[in-house]
Each structure stands twice: as structure tokens, then as C-alpha cells.
Amino acid sequence: MITSGSNAQIKKLIQLNQKTKARRQEGLFVIEGEKMFDEAPRDWIENVYVSENYTGIIDVPHEVVKDSVFRQMSDTCTPQGILAVLRTPVYQAEDLLRTGREKTPFLLILEDLQDPGNLGTIFRTAEGAGVNGILMTKTCVDVTNPKVVRGTMGSIFRMPYLVIEDVKTAKQMLSPFGIRLYAACLEGTGDYDEPDYGRGTAFLIGNEGKGLTQEAIRISDERIRIPMEGQVESLNAAMAAGILMYEASRQRRKAHAEED
């Protein structure tokens, strides 16, 4: 049993929880809770830790940790008694372009998102809507941030993603595949439900406060807007992304139903 917070493993784990630089250098991140552990791919697991009074069933080798030390390791207010260190997945562009039953890719491009809750929610919603993958500029909040990971509710294990230099990189990557880029912005020239999203589609979603940069809007193939009433100027980034993703999903499901 690990009984001291000065243990080298514990110190490393705390660093992984707290520091983006440490996670990137080590290629590791931390998950907490039974649900996340149950869904985690077993070949990603590096180490597992449980508190001394944890009563769940563990199917992999693990370390037992004194309760007081486990609370130091945890990033949550009410630890569930189990956490694990996982290897960060490495995806290639082709992983995001595999479409399965879908005939054309369906992607998100996130520019400078900063709120961990927004990014986690977007991952979870993207899986539900049938998105093939997510591209994020390097200025986005770290996807392995513990708050992001919790917000995904396990979708981080199943949603391929790439961190890219900037939106121009996304344009260069996707254009050869005929993927059309739609910029969600106040300057949209048409409502979001007007275009045909049955072909290769990628939605550009911008920073929570500033929206998309002018560069992102410029390189897009079409500008779209979500109509709003009252004095509201814009929606939460995750909410806006969800509306767009599910409109594309609706169109694609309808097209498949008609084909069948």
C-alpha cells in the first residue's frame, strides 16, 4: 500500500493532473471514477490506483493507496476511489476520415476553445451525432485536461481527434477530399438548416468569447448562422456545435432512410 504523498508515483500523478506540459511530455493522462475506468480501453492503461476502502472489482493489476493520499491524487471533490493513468492516443488524418456506413466524412474544427466543459460536451455530443472526428487548433484547451476528460463521459475513448497548427492546416488537409467547411458566425449569409450536409462536411466553431477569427471565416466555403430572437447575440459554443451537428445528422439519417 502507498501511504505517503511524497511517493514518486503519487507526485507524478499529481503533476499529470495539474500540468498540461507534464501530460504532453509523458504522453499520459488521468481518468477518475468507475464509469470512466470501465469504458477505458485496456491497452491504453499504464497504471491503476484504488483507495484502501474501495470495494469495486478490478480486472487489472493495481496499486492500493491510503485514503488520505488518494484524496491528494484526486482532481474531484468527492473521489470515487479509483483512478488510472492512460497513454494518450495518437491519431492520423485517415482515422478521422474513415466513415463506416457514412459515405462522406463529417467533422468538427474547433478554433481556440478555452472552456474545458465546452470541449468535453462537444466530444460527447459529437459521438452521439455521428461525427467522424474532431480537429482542434493548438490554442484550444488541452483535450486531456481532467475537466475535459470528465466532460466527455467516455467519448474521449471513441472519438478520433487531431491537434493542428491552425485553421489553414485544416483547410489544406480536408480540401483534397472535397470536404466543405461551414463557418458558424454572426456574419452568416444563410440559416444553418439551408445547406446540404450529406456531402463531406466540417463545421468551424470558434472561441467562446470572440467567435471565429477572420482567417477562419475567410477560408470557409460557406458562412452559416443560427437565427436568434430577443437580445441574444450568440450561443454557448457547445450548444451551437450541438445544433449544427444534429442538423447534419438529421439530414444524413433521412437520406439513408430514403436509400434503404
C-alpha atoms as a PDB file:
ATOM      1  CA  MET A   1       0.000   0.000   0.000  1.00  0.00           C
ATOM      2  CA  ILE A   2       1.192   3.511  -0.812  1.00  0.00           C
ATOM      3  CA  THR A   3       0.941   5.535   2.383  1.00  0.00           C
ATOM      4  CA  SER A   4       2.830   8.751   1.609  1.00  0.00           C
ATOM      5  CA  GLY A   5       2.105  11.698  -0.642  1.00  0.00           C
ATOM      6  CA  SER A   6       5.848  12.001  -1.231  1.00  0.00           C
ATOM      7  CA  ASN A   7       5.879   8.691  -3.109  1.00  0.00           C
ATOM      8  CA  ALA A   8       7.334   9.231  -6.608  1.00  0.00           C
ATOM      9  CA  GLN A   9       4.307   7.678  -8.337  1.00  0.00           C
ATOM     10  CA  ILE A  10       1.936   9.954  -6.441  1.00  0.00           C
ATOM     11  CA  LYS A  11       3.979  13.057  -7.224  1.00  0.00           C
ATOM     12  CA  LYS A  12       3.995  12.159 -10.916  1.00  0.00           C
ATOM     13  CA  LEU A  13       0.254  11.545 -10.960  1.00  0.00           C
ATOM     14  CA  ILE A  14      -0.470  14.888  -9.313  1.00  0.00           C
ATOM     15  CA  GLN A  15       1.697  16.590 -11.934  1.00  0.00           C
ATOM     16  CA  LEU A  16      -0.233  14.841 -14.696  1.00  0.00           C
ATOM     17  CA  ASN A  17      -3.492  16.084 -13.209  1.00  0.00           C
ATOM     18  CA  GLN A  18      -2.306  19.649 -12.848  1.00  0.00           C
ATOM     19  CA  LYS A  19       0.117  20.362 -15.708  1.00  0.00           C
ATOM     20  CA  THR A  20      -0.554  20.302 -19.444  1.00  0.00           C
ATOM     21  CA  LYS A  21       3.198  20.280 -20.088  1.00  0.00           C
ATOM     22  CA  ALA A  22       3.663  17.148 -17.988  1.00  0.00           C
ATOM     23  CA  ARG A  23       0.866  15.322 -19.820  1.00  0.00           C
ATOM     24  CA  ARG A  24       2.307  16.244 -23.209  1.00  0.00           C
ATOM     25  CA  GLN A  25       5.867  15.328 -22.292  1.00  0.00           C
ATOM     26  CA  GLU A  26       4.873  11.980 -20.818  1.00  0.00           C
ATOM     27  CA  GLY A  27       2.144  11.189 -23.340  1.00  0.00           C
ATOM     28  CA  LEU A  28      -0.125  10.286 -20.431  1.00  0.00           C
ATOM     29  CA  PHE A  29      -3.362  11.491 -18.848  1.00  0.00           C
ATOM     30  CA  VAL A  30      -5.527  10.636 -15.859  1.00  0.00           C
ATOM     31  CA  ILE A  31      -9.086   9.351 -15.615  1.00  0.00           C
ATOM     32  CA  GLU A  32     -11.202   9.024 -12.474  1.00  0.00           C
ATOM     33  CA  GLY A  33     -14.301   7.129 -11.449  1.00  0.00           C
ATOM     34  CA  GLU A  34     -15.824   3.725 -12.110  1.00  0.00           C
ATOM     35  CA  LYS A  35     -17.648   4.658 -15.323  1.00  0.00           C
ATOM     36  CA  MET A  36     -14.552   6.095 -16.959  1.00  0.00           C
ATOM     37  CA  PHE A  37     -12.438   3.161 -15.821  1.00  0.00           C
ATOM     38  CA  ASP A  38     -14.943   0.589 -17.074  1.00  0.00           C
ATOM     39  CA  GLU A  39     -15.018   2.213 -20.520  1.00  0.00           C
ATOM     40  CA  ALA A  40     -11.272   2.846 -20.834  1.00  0.00           C
ATOM     41  CA  PRO A  41      -9.551   0.689 -23.480  1.00  0.00           C
ATOM     42  CA  ARG A  42      -7.434  -1.787 -21.559  1.00  0.00           C
ATOM     43  CA  ASP A  43      -4.489  -1.379 -23.918  1.00  0.00           C
ATOM     44  CA  TRP A  44      -4.314   2.336 -23.012  1.00  0.00           C
ATOM     45  CA  ILE A  45      -3.855   1.688 -19.291  1.00  0.00           C
ATOM     46  CA  GLU A  46      -0.470   2.414 -17.749  1.00  0.00           C
ATOM     47  CA  ASN A  47      -1.287   2.261 -14.019  1.00  0.00           C
ATOM     48  CA  VAL A  48      -4.368   1.891 -11.819  1.00  0.00           C
ATOM     49  CA  TYR A  49      -4.786   3.164  -8.263  1.00  0.00           C
ATOM     50  CA  VAL A  50      -7.573   2.456  -5.770  1.00  0.00           C
ATOM     51  CA  SER A  51      -8.184   3.800  -2.285  1.00  0.00           C
ATOM     52  CA  GLU A  52      -7.753   1.405   0.630  1.00  0.00           C
ATOM     53  CA  ASN A  53     -11.511   1.178   1.234  1.00  0.00           C
ATOM     54  CA  TYR A  54     -12.520   0.755  -2.400  1.00  0.00           C
ATOM     55  CA  THR A  55     -14.825  -2.253  -2.776  1.00  0.00           C
ATOM     56  CA  GLY A  56     -15.209  -2.498  -6.555  1.00  0.00           C
ATOM     57  CA  ILE A  57     -13.873  -5.328  -8.707  1.00  0.00           C
ATOM     58  CA  ILE A  58     -10.657  -4.537 -10.598  1.00  0.00           C
ATOM     59  CA  ASP A  59      -9.681  -6.701 -13.583  1.00  0.00           C
ATOM     60  CA  VAL A  60      -6.125  -5.375 -13.990  1.00  0.00           C
ATOM     61  CA  PRO A  61      -3.054  -5.045 -11.735  1.00  0.00           C
ATOM     62  CA  HIS A  62      -3.348  -2.036  -9.433  1.00  0.00           C
ATOM     63  CA  GLU A  63      -1.858  -0.154  -6.507  1.00  0.00           C
ATOM     64  CA  VAL A  64      -3.729   0.374  -3.233  1.00  0.00           C
ATOM     65  CA  VAL A  65      -3.385   3.867  -1.788  1.00  0.00           C
ATOM     66  CA  LYS A  66      -4.125   5.194   1.687  1.00  0.00           C
ATOM     67  CA  ASP A  67      -7.389   7.181   1.636  1.00  0.00           C
ATOM     68  CA  SER A  68      -5.781  10.470   2.682  1.00  0.00           C
ATOM     69  CA  VAL A  69      -3.176  10.137  -0.062  1.00  0.00           C
ATOM     70  CA  PHE A  70      -5.815   9.192  -2.628  1.00  0.00           C
ATOM     71  CA  ARG A  71      -7.629  12.449  -1.873  1.00  0.00           C
ATOM     72  CA  GLN A  72      -4.403  14.307  -2.685  1.00  0.00           C
ATOM     73  CA  MET A  73      -4.178  12.494  -6.016  1.00  0.00           C
ATOM     74  CA  SER A  74      -7.778  13.117  -6.996  1.00  0.00           C
ATOM     75  CA  ASP A  75      -8.918  16.086  -9.072  1.00  0.00           C
ATOM     76  CA  THR A  76     -12.504  15.792  -7.793  1.00  0.00           C
ATOM     77  CA  CYS A  77     -14.170  16.967  -4.583  1.00  0.00           C
ATOM     78  CA  THR A  78     -15.700  13.543  -3.906  1.00  0.00           C
ATOM     79  CA  PRO A  79     -13.283  10.843  -5.164  1.00  0.00           C
ATOM     80  CA  GLN A  80     -14.855   7.537  -6.170  1.00  0.00           C
ATOM     81  CA  GLY A  81     -11.822   5.577  -5.049  1.00  0.00           C
ATOM     82  CA  ILE A  82     -10.398   4.588  -8.422  1.00  0.00           C
ATOM     83  CA  LEU A  83      -8.268   6.371 -10.987  1.00  0.00           C
ATOM     84  CA  ALA A  84      -5.949   5.325 -13.772  1.00  0.00           C
ATOM     85  CA  VAL A  85      -3.098   6.723 -15.819  1.00  0.00           C
ATOM     86  CA  LEU A  86      -3.636   6.166 -19.546  1.00  0.00           C
ATOM     87  CA  ARG A  87      -1.448   6.556 -22.601  1.00  0.00           C
ATOM     88  CA  THR A  88      -2.611   9.420 -24.786  1.00  0.00           C
ATOM     89  CA  PRO A  89      -3.887   8.070 -28.130  1.00  0.00           C
ATOM     90  CA  VAL A  90      -2.168   9.143 -31.328  1.00  0.00           C
ATOM     91  CA  TYR A  91      -4.397   9.502 -34.382  1.00  0.00           C
ATOM     92  CA  GLN A  92      -3.648  10.115 -38.042  1.00  0.00           C
ATOM     93  CA  ALA A  93      -5.733  12.076 -40.538  1.00  0.00           C
ATOM     94  CA  GLU A  94      -7.105   8.867 -42.039  1.00  0.00           C
ATOM     95  CA  ASP A  95      -8.556   7.901 -38.647  1.00  0.00           C
ATOM     96  CA  LEU A  96     -10.829  10.952 -38.861  1.00  0.00           C
ATOM     97  CA  LEU A  97     -11.784  10.296 -42.472  1.00  0.00           C
ATOM     98  CA  ARG A  98     -12.965   6.699 -42.031  1.00  0.00           C
ATOM     99  CA  THR A  99     -16.694   6.891 -42.456  1.00  0.00           C
ATOM    100  CA  GLY A 100     -18.134   3.402 -41.944  1.00  0.00           C
ATOM    101  CA  ARG A 101     -21.712   3.435 -43.172  1.00  0.00           C
ATOM    102  CA  GLU A 102     -21.472   7.148 -43.890  1.00  0.00           C
ATOM    103  CA  LYS A 103     -20.496   7.839 -47.478  1.00  0.00           C
ATOM    104  CA  THR A 104     -18.823  11.156 -46.746  1.00  0.00           C
ATOM    105  CA  PRO A 105     -16.807  12.491 -43.777  1.00  0.00           C
ATOM    106  CA  PHE A 106     -18.498  14.514 -41.049  1.00  0.00           C
ATOM    107  CA  LEU A 107     -16.085  16.568 -38.914  1.00  0.00           C
ATOM    108  CA  LEU A 108     -15.719  19.430 -36.455  1.00  0.00           C
ATOM    109  CA  ILE A 109     -12.954  22.036 -36.481  1.00  0.00           C
ATOM    110  CA  LEU A 110     -12.523  23.863 -33.177  1.00  0.00           C
ATOM    111  CA  GLU A 111     -10.589  27.128 -33.081  1.00  0.00           C
ATOM    112  CA  ASP A 112      -9.240  28.399 -29.756  1.00  0.00           C
ATOM    113  CA  LEU A 113     -11.888  26.873 -27.478  1.00  0.00           C
ATOM    114  CA  GLN A 114     -10.915  27.593 -23.884  1.00  0.00           C
ATOM    115  CA  ASP A 115     -13.608  26.187 -21.625  1.00  0.00           C
ATOM    116  CA  PRO A 116     -12.973  22.557 -20.543  1.00  0.00           C
ATOM    117  CA  GLY A 117     -16.681  21.945 -20.038  1.00  0.00           C
ATOM    118  CA  ASN A 118     -17.466  23.089 -23.566  1.00  0.00           C
ATOM    119  CA  LEU A 119     -14.840  20.840 -25.110  1.00  0.00           C
ATOM    120  CA  GLY A 120     -15.930  17.825 -23.081  1.00  0.00           C
ATOM    121  CA  THR A 121     -19.574  18.384 -24.005  1.00  0.00           C
ATOM    122  CA  ILE A 122     -18.682  18.788 -27.678  1.00  0.00           C
ATOM    123  CA  PHE A 123     -16.854  15.442 -27.682  1.00  0.00           C
ATOM    124  CA  ARG A 124     -19.822  13.702 -26.103  1.00  0.00           C
ATOM    125  CA  THR A 125     -22.334  15.369 -28.433  1.00  0.00           C
ATOM    126  CA  ALA A 126     -20.171  14.658 -31.467  1.00  0.00           C
ATOM    127  CA  GLU A 127     -20.194  10.942 -30.727  1.00  0.00           C
ATOM    128  CA  GLY A 128     -23.960  10.997 -30.328  1.00  0.00           C
ATOM    129  CA  ALA A 129     -24.428  12.869 -33.603  1.00  0.00           C
ATOM    130  CA  GLY A 130     -22.219  10.506 -35.595  1.00  0.00           C
ATOM    131  CA  VAL A 131     -19.263  12.828 -36.172  1.00  0.00           C
ATOM    132  CA  ASN A 132     -16.213  11.026 -37.576  1.00  0.00           C
ATOM    133  CA  GLY A 133     -13.563  13.137 -35.855  1.00  0.00           C
ATOM    134  CA  ILE A 134     -12.557  16.462 -34.334  1.00  0.00           C
ATOM    135  CA  LEU A 135      -9.733  18.793 -35.308  1.00  0.00           C
ATOM    136  CA  MET A 136      -8.571  21.334 -32.707  1.00  0.00           C
ATOM    137  CA  THR A 137      -6.134  24.193 -33.119  1.00  0.00           C
ATOM    138  CA  LYS A 138      -3.181  24.057 -30.744  1.00  0.00           C
ATOM    139  CA  THR A 139      -4.589  27.097 -28.918  1.00  0.00           C
ATOM    140  CA  CYS A 140      -7.578  25.075 -27.662  1.00  0.00           C
ATOM    141  CA  VAL A 141      -7.742  23.864 -24.075  1.00  0.00           C
ATOM    142  CA  ASP A 142      -5.843  20.594 -23.672  1.00  0.00           C
ATOM    143  CA  VAL A 143      -8.125  17.671 -24.505  1.00  0.00           C
ATOM    144  CA  THR A 144      -6.525  15.602 -21.705  1.00  0.00           C
ATOM    145  CA  ASN A 145      -7.307  18.252 -19.087  1.00  0.00           C
ATOM    146  CA  PRO A 146      -9.099  16.320 -16.282  1.00  0.00           C
ATOM    147  CA  LYS A 147     -12.194  18.529 -16.570  1.00  0.00           C
ATOM    148  CA  VAL A 148     -12.376  17.920 -20.328  1.00  0.00           C
ATOM    149  CA  VAL A 149     -11.929  14.182 -19.840  1.00  0.00           C
ATOM    150  CA  ARG A 150     -14.748  14.033 -17.274  1.00  0.00           C
ATOM    151  CA  GLY A 151     -16.982  16.132 -19.524  1.00  0.00           C
ATOM    152  CA  THR A 152     -16.622  13.658 -22.398  1.00  0.00           C
ATOM    153  CA  MET A 153     -18.217  10.916 -20.252  1.00  0.00           C
ATOM    154  CA  GLY A 154     -16.111   8.326 -22.069  1.00  0.00           C
ATOM    155  CA  SER A 155     -16.365   9.733 -25.593  1.00  0.00           C
ATOM    156  CA  ILE A 156     -12.671  10.626 -25.492  1.00  0.00           C
ATOM    157  CA  PHE A 157     -12.019   6.883 -25.818  1.00  0.00           C
ATOM    158  CA  ARG A 158     -14.003   6.628 -29.055  1.00  0.00           C
ATOM    159  CA  MET A 159     -13.800   9.984 -30.853  1.00  0.00           C
ATOM    160  CA  PRO A 160     -10.661  10.384 -33.015  1.00  0.00           C
ATOM    161  CA  TYR A 161      -9.068  13.820 -32.821  1.00  0.00           C
ATOM    162  CA  LEU A 162      -6.095  15.774 -34.090  1.00  0.00           C
ATOM    163  CA  VAL A 163      -4.410  18.869 -32.700  1.00  0.00           C
ATOM    164  CA  ILE A 164      -3.436  21.078 -35.632  1.00  0.00           C
ATOM    165  CA  GLU A 165      -1.450  24.282 -36.077  1.00  0.00           C
ATOM    166  CA  ASP A 166      -4.350  26.475 -37.214  1.00  0.00           C
ATOM    167  CA  VAL A 167      -7.497  26.501 -39.336  1.00  0.00           C
ATOM    168  CA  LYS A 168      -5.470  26.847 -42.539  1.00  0.00           C
ATOM    169  CA  THR A 169      -3.953  23.445 -41.741  1.00  0.00           C
ATOM    170  CA  ALA A 170      -7.454  22.003 -41.576  1.00  0.00           C
ATOM    171  CA  LYS A 171      -8.332  23.546 -44.931  1.00  0.00           C
ATOM    172  CA  GLN A 172      -5.228  22.080 -46.561  1.00  0.00           C
ATOM    173  CA  MET A 173      -5.908  18.679 -45.022  1.00  0.00           C
ATOM    174  CA  LEU A 174      -9.578  18.424 -45.945  1.00  0.00           C
ATOM    175  CA  SER A 175      -9.901  20.177 -49.301  1.00  0.00           C
ATOM    176  CA  PRO A 176      -8.402  17.276 -51.315  1.00  0.00           C
ATOM    177  CA  PHE A 177     -11.252  15.098 -50.014  1.00  0.00           C
ATOM    178  CA  GLY A 178     -13.931  17.505 -51.174  1.00  0.00           C
ATOM    179  CA  ILE A 179     -14.945  18.366 -47.616  1.00  0.00           C
ATOM    180  CA  ARG A 180     -16.842  21.628 -47.409  1.00  0.00           C
ATOM    181  CA  LEU A 181     -16.083  23.964 -44.473  1.00  0.00           C
ATOM    182  CA  TYR A 182     -19.006  25.772 -42.845  1.00  0.00           C
ATOM    183  CA  ALA A 183     -18.213  28.713 -40.576  1.00  0.00           C
ATOM    184  CA  ALA A 184     -20.751  29.297 -37.817  1.00  0.00           C
ATOM    185  CA  CYS A 185     -20.684  33.063 -37.340  1.00  0.00           C
ATOM    186  CA  LEU A 186     -22.789  36.195 -36.939  1.00  0.00           C
ATOM    187  CA  GLU A 187     -21.831  37.168 -40.499  1.00  0.00           C
ATOM    188  CA  GLY A 188     -23.536  34.053 -41.863  1.00  0.00           C
ATOM    189  CA  THR A 189     -25.231  34.542 -45.195  1.00  0.00           C
ATOM    190  CA  GLY A 190     -27.807  31.805 -44.647  1.00  0.00           C
ATOM    191  CA  ASP A 191     -29.505  29.862 -41.867  1.00  0.00           C
ATOM    192  CA  TYR A 192     -27.790  26.714 -40.623  1.00  0.00           C
ATOM    193  CA  ASP A 193     -30.538  24.365 -41.882  1.00  0.00           C
ATOM    194  CA  GLU A 194     -30.335  25.502 -45.513  1.00  0.00           C
ATOM    195  CA  PRO A 195     -27.147  23.779 -46.825  1.00  0.00           C
ATOM    196  CA  ASP A 196     -26.949  20.128 -47.826  1.00  0.00           C
ATOM    197  CA  TYR A 197     -24.732  18.362 -45.278  1.00  0.00           C
ATOM    198  CA  GLY A 198     -24.959  14.996 -46.981  1.00  0.00           C
ATOM    199  CA  ARG A 199     -21.618  15.578 -48.702  1.00  0.00           C
ATOM    200  CA  GLY A 200     -18.262  15.931 -46.904  1.00  0.00           C
ATOM    201  CA  THR A 201     -18.923  18.414 -44.113  1.00  0.00           C
ATOM    202  CA  ALA A 202     -16.836  20.175 -41.462  1.00  0.00           C
ATOM    203  CA  PHE A 203     -18.222  22.791 -39.070  1.00  0.00           C
ATOM    204  CA  LEU A 204     -15.907  25.545 -37.842  1.00  0.00           C
ATOM    205  CA  ILE A 205     -16.616  26.515 -34.210  1.00  0.00           C
ATOM    206  CA  GLY A 206     -14.797  29.451 -32.626  1.00  0.00           C
ATOM    207  CA  ASN A 207     -13.711  30.804 -29.274  1.00  0.00           C
ATOM    208  CA  GLU A 208     -16.408  31.246 -26.622  1.00  0.00           C
ATOM    209  CA  GLY A 209     -15.957  34.997 -26.359  1.00  0.00           C
ATOM    210  CA  LYS A 210     -14.573  36.091 -29.709  1.00  0.00           C
ATOM    211  CA  GLY A 211     -16.013  33.525 -32.075  1.00  0.00           C
ATOM    212  CA  LEU A 212     -14.120  32.525 -35.202  1.00  0.00           C
ATOM    213  CA  THR A 213     -11.163  34.559 -36.388  1.00  0.00           C
ATOM    214  CA  GLN A 214     -11.459  36.436 -39.650  1.00  0.00           C
ATOM    215  CA  GLU A 215      -8.969  33.967 -41.129  1.00  0.00           C
ATOM    216  CA  ALA A 216     -11.277  31.058 -40.302  1.00  0.00           C
ATOM    217  CA  ILE A 217     -14.256  32.858 -41.803  1.00  0.00           C
ATOM    218  CA  ARG A 218     -12.237  33.749 -44.903  1.00  0.00           C
ATOM    219  CA  ILE A 219     -11.126  30.190 -45.672  1.00  0.00           C
ATOM    220  CA  SER A 220     -14.587  28.702 -45.103  1.00  0.00           C
ATOM    221  CA  ASP A 221     -16.632  27.628 -48.092  1.00  0.00           C
ATOM    222  CA  GLU A 222     -19.874  28.928 -46.634  1.00  0.00           C
ATOM    223  CA  ARG A 223     -20.919  31.096 -43.695  1.00  0.00           C
ATOM    224  CA  ILE A 224     -23.959  29.976 -41.738  1.00  0.00           C
ATOM    225  CA  ARG A 225     -25.851  31.413 -38.792  1.00  0.00           C
ATOM    226  CA  ILE A 226     -28.217  30.151 -36.130  1.00  0.00           C
ATOM    227  CA  PRO A 227     -31.131  32.613 -36.062  1.00  0.00           C
ATOM    228  CA  MET A 228     -31.902  34.096 -32.636  1.00  0.00           C
ATOM    229  CA  GLU A 229     -34.540  36.332 -31.166  1.00  0.00           C
ATOM    230  CA  GLY A 230     -34.506  38.790 -28.302  1.00  0.00           C
ATOM    231  CA  GLN A 231     -31.226  40.471 -27.405  1.00  0.00           C
ATOM    232  CA  VAL A 232     -29.092  37.325 -27.527  1.00  0.00           C
ATOM    233  CA  GLU A 233     -26.049  37.799 -29.761  1.00  0.00           C
ATOM    234  CA  SER A 234     -24.612  34.307 -29.679  1.00  0.00           C
ATOM    235  CA  LEU A 235     -24.984  30.851 -28.143  1.00  0.00           C
ATOM    236  CA  ASN A 236     -22.664  28.850 -25.944  1.00  0.00           C
ATOM    237  CA  ALA A 237     -20.078  27.168 -28.200  1.00  0.00           C
ATOM    238  CA  ALA A 238     -21.105  23.637 -27.198  1.00  0.00           C
ATOM    239  CA  MET A 239     -24.785  24.459 -27.710  1.00  0.00           C
ATOM    240  CA  ALA A 240     -24.151  25.953 -31.153  1.00  0.00           C
ATOM    241  CA  ALA A 241     -21.994  22.991 -32.158  1.00  0.00           C
ATOM    242  CA  GLY A 242     -24.716  20.605 -30.982  1.00  0.00           C
ATOM    243  CA  ILE A 243     -27.396  22.324 -33.064  1.00  0.00           C
ATOM    244  CA  LEU A 244     -25.232  22.144 -36.176  1.00  0.00           C
ATOM    245  CA  MET A 245     -24.132  18.555 -35.631  1.00  0.00           C
ATOM    246  CA  TYR A 246     -27.649  17.291 -35.124  1.00  0.00           C
ATOM    247  CA  GLU A 247     -28.967  19.111 -38.181  1.00  0.00           C
ATOM    248  CA  ALA A 248     -26.312  17.372 -40.264  1.00  0.00           C
ATOM    249  CA  SER A 249     -27.125  14.092 -38.519  1.00  0.00           C
ATOM    250  CA  ARG A 250     -30.837  14.558 -39.239  1.00  0.00           C
ATOM    251  CA  GLN A 251     -30.187  15.157 -42.919  1.00  0.00           C
ATOM    252  CA  ARG A 252     -27.920  12.135 -43.181  1.00  0.00           C
ATOM    253  CA  ARG A 253     -30.326   9.809 -41.370  1.00  0.00           C
ATOM    254  CA  LYS A 254     -33.124  10.967 -43.658  1.00  0.00           C
ATOM    255  CA  ALA A 255     -31.005  10.348 -46.744  1.00  0.00           C
ATOM    256  CA  HIS A 256     -30.093   6.833 -45.532  1.00  0.00           C
ATOM    257  CA  ALA A 257     -33.729   6.057 -44.806  1.00  0.00           C
ATOM    258  CA  GLU A 258     -34.701   7.100 -48.314  1.00  0.00           C
ATOM    259  CA  GLU A 259     -31.895   4.967 -49.802  1.00  0.00           C
ATOM    260  CA  ASP A 260     -32.986   1.926 -47.784  1.00  0.00           C
END
